[in-house]
Protein backbone atom coordinates (compact mmCIF):
# COMPACT_ATOMS: atom_id res chain seq x y z
CA MET A 1 45.95 159.23 113.20
CA THR A 2 45.17 155.27 114.68
CA ASP A 3 46.72 152.52 116.90
CA ALA A 4 46.46 149.77 115.12
CA GLY A 5 50.09 148.50 115.73
CA ALA A 6 51.40 148.81 112.57
CA GLY A 7 55.32 150.05 113.62
CA ALA A 8 54.99 149.31 117.21
CA MET A 9 58.87 149.11 119.52
CA ASN A 10 59.45 148.28 122.29
CA LEU A 11 62.16 149.76 124.96
CA GLN A 12 65.55 147.52 122.77
CA GLU A 13 63.77 148.14 119.42
CA ILE A 14 63.96 152.33 120.42
CA MET A 15 67.19 152.30 121.40
CA GLU A 16 68.46 150.90 118.10
CA TYR A 17 67.24 154.66 116.24
CA LEU A 18 68.65 156.79 119.48
CA PRO A 19 71.70 157.62 120.56
CA HIS A 20 70.23 158.22 124.73
CA ARG A 21 70.15 156.08 127.25
CA TYR A 22 68.94 156.71 131.23
CA PRO A 23 68.47 159.20 132.47
CA PHE A 24 67.79 160.42 129.30
CA LEU A 25 65.95 158.56 126.98
CA LEU A 26 62.24 159.72 127.14
CA ILE A 27 60.15 157.43 125.13
CA ASP A 28 59.28 154.10 126.47
CA ARG A 29 57.37 152.56 123.33
CA VAL A 30 56.36 153.31 120.06
CA LEU A 31 52.83 152.27 119.79
CA THR A 32 51.96 152.51 116.15
CA SER A 33 54.68 154.55 113.14
CA GLU A 34 54.04 154.69 109.69
CA PRO A 35 57.22 156.06 107.82
CA GLY A 36 56.64 159.25 105.91
CA ARG A 37 54.09 160.38 108.47
CA PHE A 38 53.51 159.91 111.75
CA ILE A 39 54.77 157.82 115.35
CA ARG A 40 52.38 157.85 118.07
CA GLY A 41 54.62 156.45 121.37
CA ILE A 42 54.95 156.87 125.04
CA LYS A 43 56.53 158.08 128.28
CA ASN A 44 55.32 156.73 131.44
CA VAL A 45 55.76 159.07 133.88
CA THR A 46 56.98 157.94 137.40
CA MET A 47 57.68 159.93 140.48
CA ASN A 48 61.27 157.99 140.63
CA GLU A 49 62.67 160.22 137.41
CA PRO A 50 65.82 162.36 139.29
CA PHE A 51 64.15 165.68 137.94
CA PHE A 52 61.38 165.23 140.05
CA GLN A 53 63.98 165.58 143.13
CA GLY A 54 64.37 169.68 142.14
CA HIS A 55 61.53 170.17 140.37
CA PHE A 56 59.84 170.68 142.61
CA PRO A 57 59.96 169.70 145.52
CA GLY A 58 56.67 168.98 147.34
CA PHE A 59 54.60 169.88 144.04
CA PRO A 60 56.81 167.49 141.17
CA VAL A 61 56.05 168.82 137.19
CA MET A 62 58.20 167.13 134.24
CA PRO A 63 60.03 169.76 133.06
CA GLY A 64 58.38 171.47 130.14
CA VAL A 65 61.63 171.22 128.17
CA LEU A 66 61.90 167.58 128.65
CA ILE A 67 58.56 167.36 127.45
CA ILE A 68 59.61 169.33 123.92
CA GLU A 69 63.03 166.69 124.20
CA ALA A 70 60.11 163.06 124.34
CA LEU A 71 58.44 164.69 121.57
CA ALA A 72 62.16 165.60 119.65
CA GLN A 73 63.40 161.61 120.10
CA THR A 74 59.76 160.29 119.15
CA ALA A 75 60.11 162.74 115.92
CA ALA A 76 64.12 161.34 115.27
CA ILE A 77 62.69 158.07 115.79
CA LEU A 78 60.10 159.08 113.04
CA SER A 79 62.58 160.50 110.98
CA HIS A 80 65.34 157.64 110.65
CA LEU A 81 62.07 155.36 109.56
CA THR A 82 61.18 157.62 106.91
CA LYS A 83 64.67 157.79 105.83
CA GLY A 84 64.88 153.73 106.11
CA THR A 85 68.19 153.63 108.21
CA LYS A 86 69.19 153.49 111.97
CA PRO A 87 71.83 155.53 113.12
CA ASP A 88 75.42 155.12 112.29
CA PRO A 89 78.58 156.27 114.70
CA ASN A 90 79.26 159.23 112.04
CA SER A 91 76.29 160.72 111.95
CA LEU A 92 73.19 161.53 114.81
CA ILE A 93 69.77 163.64 114.42
CA PHE A 94 70.25 167.36 116.26
CA PHE A 95 67.33 169.08 117.80
CA ALA A 96 67.55 172.22 115.51
CA GLY A 97 64.35 174.19 116.47
CA ILE A 98 61.06 174.70 117.80
CA ASP A 99 58.13 176.92 116.53
CA ASN A 100 55.02 177.66 117.94
CA ALA A 101 55.77 175.89 121.40
CA ARG A 102 52.76 175.76 123.56
CA PHE A 103 52.13 174.47 127.25
CA ARG A 104 48.63 173.24 127.82
CA ARG A 105 48.46 171.35 131.51
CA GLN A 106 51.07 170.28 133.52
CA VAL A 107 52.44 166.28 133.57
CA VAL A 108 52.66 165.24 136.81
CA PRO A 109 53.80 161.77 137.95
CA GLY A 110 51.87 159.58 137.20
CA ASP A 111 50.94 160.31 133.91
CA GLN A 112 51.12 158.77 130.96
CA LEU A 113 52.86 160.83 128.28
CA VAL A 114 51.34 159.93 124.67
CA LEU A 115 54.23 161.50 122.16
CA GLU A 116 53.09 162.55 118.44
CA ALA A 117 54.29 163.29 115.35
CA GLU A 118 53.33 163.93 111.86
CA VAL A 119 56.01 164.19 108.67
CA VAL A 120 56.03 168.06 107.81
CA ARG A 121 58.66 167.91 105.53
CA ILE A 122 61.98 166.09 105.22
CA VAL A 123 64.86 167.45 103.29
CA ARG A 124 68.31 167.39 102.45
CA GLY A 125 68.89 165.72 105.52
CA VAL A 126 66.67 168.46 107.51
CA GLY A 127 62.79 167.73 109.09
CA LYS A 128 60.39 169.33 110.14
CA PHE A 129 57.87 167.92 112.33
CA SER A 130 54.25 168.82 113.65
CA THR A 131 54.43 167.17 117.85
CA ARG A 132 51.75 167.06 120.60
CA ALA A 133 51.56 165.26 124.23
CA LEU A 134 48.27 164.49 125.36
CA VAL A 135 47.31 162.97 129.09
CA ASP A 136 44.35 161.14 129.04
CA GLY A 137 43.56 162.52 125.98
CA GLU A 138 44.14 166.28 126.87
CA LEU A 139 46.57 168.32 125.21
CA ALA A 140 50.08 168.80 127.49
CA ALA A 141 52.37 170.24 125.17
CA GLU A 142 52.51 171.19 121.23
CA GLY A 143 55.34 172.76 118.52
CA GLU A 144 56.64 172.59 115.45
CA LEU A 145 60.03 170.55 115.61
CA MET A 146 62.80 170.78 113.30
CA ALA A 147 65.51 168.37 113.29
CA ALA A 148 69.06 168.00 111.04
CA VAL A 149 71.20 165.25 110.37
CA ARG A 150 74.56 165.92 110.79
CA SER A 151 78.05 164.26 110.82
CA THR A 152 79.87 163.74 114.37
CA GLY A 153 83.37 162.38 112.29
């Protein structure tokens, strides 16, 4: 993957592709993307995240499940970019599963989480993505995520 800036998105553009909003929107910027191949984004982890009040007082650590959710949101954007669509009011991309999830390092306030997803395959509205989250070039989490487009109507 390269950081050429092609396919970059700011927060307003990201919100055109995801239904999530504060406090559950967990991607701040897309640095680069190539539909059908990959995406790289960032989540700036700050002390004012609501989950740090209870996870853990005195030793704030970003919950692993939220790191996976940030990766899933990143993969959902890539899925839309690959299909050349934006969400419509009658369907959503839902997190469908995860394989081989591993957590390698803690993510704490002040870290910048780099979120990467690569398309493994997308067939009949179900996508599989190889994902990883890094801090300062060091692997924090990884896994293969599945996502599926489903009707909400």
